Amino acid sequence: MLSLREDKEIEKLLLTSQALLKGHFILSSGLHSNQYVQCARFLQYPSYAELAARKLATLYKDAHIDVVIGGAFGGITLAYELARVLGVRGIFCERVEGIFLLRRGFEILPQEKVLIAEDVVTTGKSIDEVAQLVKHYGGNIVGVASLIDRHMPDPEKLPYRFEWLHSVQAEAYDPSDCPLCREGKEPPIKPGSRGIQ
């Protein structure tokens, strides 16, 4: 199981920007949860995004990264800021008919060292999709950098080095066995950008 990390400076800014939400949510994985992390509220502040990128870049300072890639939409801003701090190219992939692709002239050259950036990692599904794209182009994945690890009770272990700044512990439930649904106080809402697949 991944260890918990607390970055009090980042946590304070997450709270200040109202990026940590409580209620009844549908996650991009399809699971229901009592908490939601809306990193766009945090990343809308360039100084916050720069601070997070500098902290993550320090963790990968000896990795000799060539390019940072983020997945649309959550990873775009963080990937850009990380690339800027590291002094390398920053690109993003986007979904076309549900599949991540490189567009807009972006490319990954064979053997380039690639860092995958994501705002929040929950199940690792999006990371895996981006990783498959990187491998398709012959890139070498150095690791994954994330602002938040949403730290599920039994997290899927990523097969890559994974560095993050702050852990958010939240309950997650299968929709068929969700106590929040049984209570019926409020219907679940889906604040994220990715459709359930």
C-alpha atoms as a PDB file:
ATOM      1  CA  MET A   1       0.000   0.000   0.000  1.00  0.00           C
ATOM      2  CA  LEU A   2       1.284   3.466  -0.883  1.00  0.00           C
ATOM      3  CA  SER A   3       2.364   5.632   2.010  1.00  0.00           C
ATOM      4  CA  LEU A   4       0.483   8.757   2.973  1.00  0.00           C
ATOM      5  CA  ARG A   5       2.127  12.103   2.399  1.00  0.00           C
ATOM      6  CA  GLU A   6       1.179  15.423   3.882  1.00  0.00           C
ATOM      7  CA  ASP A   7       2.380  18.668   2.392  1.00  0.00           C
ATOM      8  CA  LYS A   8       0.899  21.248   4.727  1.00  0.00           C
ATOM      9  CA  GLU A   9       1.670  24.122   2.365  1.00  0.00           C
ATOM     10  CA  ILE A  10      -0.125  22.411  -0.527  1.00  0.00           C
ATOM     11  CA  GLU A  11      -2.974  21.318   1.749  1.00  0.00           C
ATOM     12  CA  LYS A  12      -3.534  24.893   2.902  1.00  0.00           C
ATOM     13  CA  LEU A  13      -3.697  26.105  -0.704  1.00  0.00           C
ATOM     14  CA  LEU A  14      -6.063  23.271  -1.677  1.00  0.00           C
ATOM     15  CA  LEU A  15      -8.393  24.388   1.111  1.00  0.00           C
ATOM     16  CA  THR A  16      -7.961  28.083   0.326  1.00  0.00           C
ATOM     17  CA  SER A  17      -8.871  27.489  -3.333  1.00  0.00           C
ATOM     18  CA  GLN A  18     -11.798  25.212  -2.363  1.00  0.00           C
ATOM     19  CA  ALA A  19     -10.263  22.357  -4.347  1.00  0.00           C
ATOM     20  CA  LEU A  20     -11.237  19.810  -1.666  1.00  0.00           C
ATOM     21  CA  LEU A  21     -14.972  19.099  -1.753  1.00  0.00           C
ATOM     22  CA  LYS A  22     -17.203  16.983   0.501  1.00  0.00           C
ATOM     23  CA  GLY A  23     -20.548  15.460  -0.468  1.00  0.00           C
ATOM     24  CA  HIS A  24     -21.694  12.598  -2.730  1.00  0.00           C
ATOM     25  CA  PHE A  25     -19.707  12.282  -5.948  1.00  0.00           C
ATOM     26  CA  ILE A  26     -19.283   9.983  -8.935  1.00  0.00           C
ATOM     27  CA  LEU A  27     -15.575   9.583  -9.698  1.00  0.00           C
ATOM     28  CA  SER A  28     -14.203   9.130 -13.214  1.00  0.00           C
ATOM     29  CA  SER A  29     -13.697   5.452 -12.310  1.00  0.00           C
ATOM     30  CA  GLY A  30     -17.466   5.116 -11.777  1.00  0.00           C
ATOM     31  CA  LEU A  31     -17.087   4.628  -8.027  1.00  0.00           C
ATOM     32  CA  HIS A  32     -18.982   6.832  -5.591  1.00  0.00           C
ATOM     33  CA  SER A  33     -17.160   8.852  -2.944  1.00  0.00           C
ATOM     34  CA  ASN A  34     -17.720  11.178  -0.008  1.00  0.00           C
ATOM     35  CA  GLN A  35     -14.945  13.526  -1.181  1.00  0.00           C
ATOM     36  CA  TYR A  36     -13.834  15.018  -4.468  1.00  0.00           C
ATOM     37  CA  VAL A  37     -10.650  16.819  -5.391  1.00  0.00           C
ATOM     38  CA  GLN A  38     -11.192  19.505  -8.028  1.00  0.00           C
ATOM     39  CA  CYS A  39      -7.593  20.456  -8.819  1.00  0.00           C
ATOM     40  CA  ALA A  40      -8.659  22.960 -11.480  1.00  0.00           C
ATOM     41  CA  ARG A  41      -9.605  25.267  -8.630  1.00  0.00           C
ATOM     42  CA  PHE A  42      -6.062  24.982  -7.275  1.00  0.00           C
ATOM     43  CA  LEU A  43      -4.321  25.173 -10.662  1.00  0.00           C
ATOM     44  CA  GLN A  44      -6.229  28.302 -11.729  1.00  0.00           C
ATOM     45  CA  TYR A  45      -3.721  30.216  -9.629  1.00  0.00           C
ATOM     46  CA  PRO A  46      -0.384  30.345 -11.497  1.00  0.00           C
ATOM     47  CA  SER A  47       1.586  30.820  -8.273  1.00  0.00           C
ATOM     48  CA  TYR A  48       0.044  27.656  -6.791  1.00  0.00           C
ATOM     49  CA  ALA A  49       0.718  25.676  -9.973  1.00  0.00           C
ATOM     50  CA  GLU A  50       4.321  26.904 -10.055  1.00  0.00           C
ATOM     51  CA  LEU A  51       4.873  25.971  -6.409  1.00  0.00           C
ATOM     52  CA  ALA A  52       3.517  22.455  -6.995  1.00  0.00           C
ATOM     53  CA  ALA A  53       5.628  22.039 -10.138  1.00  0.00           C
ATOM     54  CA  ARG A  54       8.795  23.142  -8.334  1.00  0.00           C
ATOM     55  CA  LYS A  55       8.179  20.659  -5.523  1.00  0.00           C
ATOM     56  CA  LEU A  56       7.544  17.804  -7.984  1.00  0.00           C
ATOM     57  CA  ALA A  57      10.507  18.770 -10.171  1.00  0.00           C
ATOM     58  CA  THR A  58      12.774  18.495  -7.134  1.00  0.00           C
ATOM     59  CA  LEU A  59      11.689  14.867  -6.704  1.00  0.00           C
ATOM     60  CA  TYR A  60      12.745  14.121 -10.310  1.00  0.00           C
ATOM     61  CA  LYS A  61      15.804  16.382 -10.466  1.00  0.00           C
ATOM     62  CA  ASP A  62      18.195  13.533 -11.397  1.00  0.00           C
ATOM     63  CA  ALA A  63      15.900  11.808 -13.933  1.00  0.00           C
ATOM     64  CA  HIS A  64      17.187  13.633 -17.072  1.00  0.00           C
ATOM     65  CA  ILE A  65      13.672  14.114 -18.450  1.00  0.00           C
ATOM     66  CA  ASP A  66      13.203  15.085 -22.117  1.00  0.00           C
ATOM     67  CA  VAL A  67       9.467  15.741 -22.194  1.00  0.00           C
ATOM     68  CA  VAL A  68       6.540  16.001 -19.795  1.00  0.00           C
ATOM     69  CA  ILE A  69       3.128  14.792 -20.967  1.00  0.00           C
ATOM     70  CA  GLY A  70      -0.256  15.386 -19.417  1.00  0.00           C
ATOM     71  CA  GLY A  71      -3.611  13.974 -20.328  1.00  0.00           C
ATOM     72  CA  ALA A  72      -6.449  16.341 -21.179  1.00  0.00           C
ATOM     73  CA  PHE A  73      -7.746  17.913 -19.176  1.00  0.00           C
ATOM     74  CA  GLY A  74      -6.475  17.323 -15.673  1.00  0.00           C
ATOM     75  CA  GLY A  75      -2.805  16.921 -16.533  1.00  0.00           C
ATOM     76  CA  ILE A  76      -2.372  19.792 -18.996  1.00  0.00           C
ATOM     77  CA  THR A  77      -1.625  22.665 -16.618  1.00  0.00           C
ATOM     78  CA  LEU A  78       0.615  20.628 -14.325  1.00  0.00           C
ATOM     79  CA  ALA A  79       2.508  19.137 -17.298  1.00  0.00           C
ATOM     80  CA  TYR A  80       3.129  22.612 -18.699  1.00  0.00           C
ATOM     81  CA  GLU A  81       4.352  23.992 -15.380  1.00  0.00           C
ATOM     82  CA  LEU A  82       6.562  20.962 -14.735  1.00  0.00           C
ATOM     83  CA  ALA A  83       8.086  21.246 -18.197  1.00  0.00           C
ATOM     84  CA  ARG A  84       8.726  24.952 -17.670  1.00  0.00           C
ATOM     85  CA  VAL A  85      10.453  24.366 -14.329  1.00  0.00           C
ATOM     86  CA  LEU A  86      12.490  21.453 -15.736  1.00  0.00           C
ATOM     87  CA  GLY A  87      13.392  23.369 -18.919  1.00  0.00           C
ATOM     88  CA  VAL A  88      12.020  20.674 -21.262  1.00  0.00           C
ATOM     89  CA  ARG A  89       9.149  20.265 -23.735  1.00  0.00           C
ATOM     90  CA  GLY A  90       5.648  20.044 -22.353  1.00  0.00           C
ATOM     91  CA  ILE A  91       2.917  18.331 -24.354  1.00  0.00           C
ATOM     92  CA  PHE A  92      -0.519  16.851 -23.786  1.00  0.00           C
ATOM     93  CA  CYS A  93      -2.668  14.134 -25.249  1.00  0.00           C
ATOM     94  CA  GLU A  94      -6.397  14.349 -25.743  1.00  0.00           C
ATOM     95  CA  ARG A  95      -9.252  11.945 -26.177  1.00  0.00           C
ATOM     96  CA  VAL A  96     -10.574  11.204 -29.630  1.00  0.00           C
ATOM     97  CA  GLU A  97     -13.560   8.860 -29.465  1.00  0.00           C
ATOM     98  CA  GLY A  98     -12.483   7.887 -25.955  1.00  0.00           C
ATOM     99  CA  ILE A  99      -8.834   7.114 -26.791  1.00  0.00           C
ATOM    100  CA  PHE A 100      -5.824   9.278 -25.881  1.00  0.00           C
ATOM    101  CA  LEU A 101      -3.947  10.509 -28.969  1.00  0.00           C
ATOM    102  CA  LEU A 102      -1.248  13.057 -29.724  1.00  0.00           C
ATOM    103  CA  ARG A 103      -2.513  15.897 -31.891  1.00  0.00           C
ATOM    104  CA  ARG A 104      -1.504  19.485 -32.764  1.00  0.00           C
ATOM    105  CA  GLY A 105       1.893  18.387 -34.046  1.00  0.00           C
ATOM    106  CA  PHE A 106       3.026  16.954 -30.705  1.00  0.00           C
ATOM    107  CA  GLU A 107       5.364  13.984 -30.836  1.00  0.00           C
ATOM    108  CA  ILE A 108       7.421  11.714 -28.627  1.00  0.00           C
ATOM    109  CA  LEU A 109      10.678  10.574 -30.166  1.00  0.00           C
ATOM    110  CA  PRO A 110      11.982   7.015 -29.692  1.00  0.00           C
ATOM    111  CA  GLN A 111      13.952   6.626 -26.443  1.00  0.00           C
ATOM    112  CA  GLU A 112      12.956  10.045 -25.101  1.00  0.00           C
ATOM    113  CA  LYS A 113      12.628  10.049 -21.308  1.00  0.00           C
ATOM    114  CA  VAL A 114       9.033  10.956 -20.504  1.00  0.00           C
ATOM    115  CA  LEU A 115       7.457  12.105 -17.263  1.00  0.00           C
ATOM    116  CA  ILE A 116       3.688  11.694 -17.034  1.00  0.00           C
ATOM    117  CA  ALA A 117       1.896  14.482 -15.145  1.00  0.00           C
ATOM    118  CA  GLU A 118      -1.563  14.170 -13.616  1.00  0.00           C
ATOM    119  CA  ASP A 119      -3.496  16.338 -11.201  1.00  0.00           C
ATOM    120  CA  VAL A 120      -5.095  13.486  -9.208  1.00  0.00           C
ATOM    121  CA  VAL A 121      -4.360   9.758  -9.274  1.00  0.00           C
ATOM    122  CA  THR A 122      -7.168   7.537  -8.016  1.00  0.00           C
ATOM    123  CA  THR A 123      -7.178   4.158  -9.771  1.00  0.00           C
ATOM    124  CA  GLY A 124      -4.319   4.746 -12.218  1.00  0.00           C
ATOM    125  CA  LYS A 125      -6.550   4.194 -15.261  1.00  0.00           C
ATOM    126  CA  SER A 126      -5.733   7.511 -16.965  1.00  0.00           C
ATOM    127  CA  ILE A 127      -2.040   7.068 -16.207  1.00  0.00           C
ATOM    128  CA  ASP A 128      -2.096   3.643 -17.842  1.00  0.00           C
ATOM    129  CA  GLU A 129      -3.778   5.074 -20.945  1.00  0.00           C
ATOM    130  CA  VAL A 130      -1.165   7.825 -21.275  1.00  0.00           C
ATOM    131  CA  ALA A 131       1.620   5.294 -20.636  1.00  0.00           C
ATOM    132  CA  GLN A 132       0.375   3.083 -23.480  1.00  0.00           C
ATOM    133  CA  LEU A 133       0.492   6.094 -25.801  1.00  0.00           C
ATOM    134  CA  VAL A 134       4.054   6.934 -24.708  1.00  0.00           C
ATOM    135  CA  LYS A 135       5.139   3.334 -25.322  1.00  0.00           C
ATOM    136  CA  HIS A 136       3.466   3.367 -28.739  1.00  0.00           C
ATOM    137  CA  TYR A 137       5.859   6.154 -29.749  1.00  0.00           C
ATOM    138  CA  GLY A 138       8.867   4.394 -28.237  1.00  0.00           C
ATOM    139  CA  GLY A 139       9.298   6.738 -25.289  1.00  0.00           C
ATOM    140  CA  ASN A 140      10.766   5.599 -21.967  1.00  0.00           C
ATOM    141  CA  ILE A 141       8.593   6.381 -18.966  1.00  0.00           C
ATOM    142  CA  VAL A 142      10.652   7.879 -16.156  1.00  0.00           C
ATOM    143  CA  GLY A 143       7.731   8.117 -13.775  1.00  0.00           C
ATOM    144  CA  VAL A 144       4.467   9.759 -12.809  1.00  0.00           C
ATOM    145  CA  ALA A 145       4.165  13.103 -11.024  1.00  0.00           C
ATOM    146  CA  SER A 146       0.896  14.107  -9.396  1.00  0.00           C
ATOM    147  CA  LEU A 147      -0.356  16.891  -7.212  1.00  0.00           C
ATOM    148  CA  ILE A 148      -2.673  14.495  -5.329  1.00  0.00           C
ATOM    149  CA  ASP A 149      -2.773  10.799  -4.590  1.00  0.00           C
ATOM    150  CA  ARG A 150      -6.406  10.160  -3.739  1.00  0.00           C
ATOM    151  CA  HIS A 151      -5.266   7.067  -1.845  1.00  0.00           C
ATOM    152  CA  MET A 152      -7.978   4.511  -2.257  1.00  0.00           C
ATOM    153  CA  PRO A 153      -8.220   1.783   0.431  1.00  0.00           C
ATOM    154  CA  ASP A 154      -6.570  -0.713  -1.939  1.00  0.00           C
ATOM    155  CA  PRO A 155      -4.788   1.436  -4.549  1.00  0.00           C
ATOM    156  CA  GLU A 156      -3.798  -0.010  -7.871  1.00  0.00           C
ATOM    157  CA  LYS A 157      -0.024  -0.140  -7.860  1.00  0.00           C
ATOM    158  CA  LEU A 158       1.456   1.771 -10.725  1.00  0.00           C
ATOM    159  CA  PRO A 159       4.256  -0.076 -12.528  1.00  0.00           C
ATOM    160  CA  TYR A 160       6.259   3.173 -12.668  1.00  0.00           C
ATOM    161  CA  ARG A 161       7.919   5.415 -10.156  1.00  0.00           C
ATOM    162  CA  PHE A 162       5.163   7.525  -8.625  1.00  0.00           C
ATOM    163  CA  GLU A 163       5.755  10.812  -6.825  1.00  0.00           C
ATOM    164  CA  TRP A 164       3.016  13.032  -5.450  1.00  0.00           C
ATOM    165  CA  LEU A 165       2.758  15.953  -3.064  1.00  0.00           C
ATOM    166  CA  HIS A 166      -0.302  15.341  -0.907  1.00  0.00           C
ATOM    167  CA  SER A 167      -2.494  12.353  -0.039  1.00  0.00           C
ATOM    168  CA  VAL A 168      -6.246  12.674   0.277  1.00  0.00           C
ATOM    169  CA  GLN A 169      -7.944   9.772   2.020  1.00  0.00           C
ATOM    170  CA  ALA A 170     -11.505   9.324   0.870  1.00  0.00           C
ATOM    171  CA  GLU A 171     -14.037   6.536   0.971  1.00  0.00           C
ATOM    172  CA  ALA A 172     -14.998   4.996  -2.361  1.00  0.00           C
ATOM    173  CA  TYR A 173     -17.913   2.678  -2.972  1.00  0.00           C
ATOM    174  CA  ASP A 174     -19.264   0.504  -5.718  1.00  0.00           C
ATOM    175  CA  PRO A 175     -22.494   2.209  -6.876  1.00  0.00           C
ATOM    176  CA  SER A 176     -24.456  -0.971  -6.088  1.00  0.00           C
ATOM    177  CA  ASP A 177     -23.276  -0.864  -2.458  1.00  0.00           C
ATOM    178  CA  CYS A 178     -22.984   2.858  -1.764  1.00  0.00           C
ATOM    179  CA  PRO A 179     -24.095   3.903   1.743  1.00  0.00           C
ATOM    180  CA  LEU A 180     -24.502   7.482   0.534  1.00  0.00           C
ATOM    181  CA  CYS A 181     -27.046   6.285  -2.038  1.00  0.00           C
ATOM    182  CA  ARG A 182     -28.837   4.218   0.624  1.00  0.00           C
ATOM    183  CA  GLU A 183     -29.094   7.258   2.887  1.00  0.00           C
ATOM    184  CA  GLY A 184     -30.706   9.106  -0.030  1.00  0.00           C
ATOM    185  CA  LYS A 185     -29.842  12.530   1.341  1.00  0.00           C
ATOM    186  CA  GLU A 186     -28.459  13.881  -1.919  1.00  0.00           C
ATOM    187  CA  PRO A 187     -28.035  12.380  -5.386  1.00  0.00           C
ATOM    188  CA  PRO A 188     -24.452  11.846  -6.573  1.00  0.00           C
ATOM    189  CA  ILE A 189     -22.931  14.484  -8.798  1.00  0.00           C
ATOM    190  CA  LYS A 190     -20.080  14.132 -11.285  1.00  0.00           C
ATOM    191  CA  PRO A 191     -17.937  17.258 -11.221  1.00  0.00           C
ATOM    192  CA  GLY A 192     -15.027  15.807 -13.246  1.00  0.00           C
ATOM    193  CA  SER A 193     -14.346  16.119 -16.958  1.00  0.00           C
ATOM    194  CA  ARG A 194     -14.122  12.460 -18.055  1.00  0.00           C
ATOM    195  CA  GLY A 195     -17.152  10.331 -18.817  1.00  0.00           C
ATOM    196  CA  ILE A 196     -17.579   6.995 -17.101  1.00  0.00           C
ATOM    197  CA  GLN A 197     -16.335   4.158 -19.260  1.00  0.00           C
END
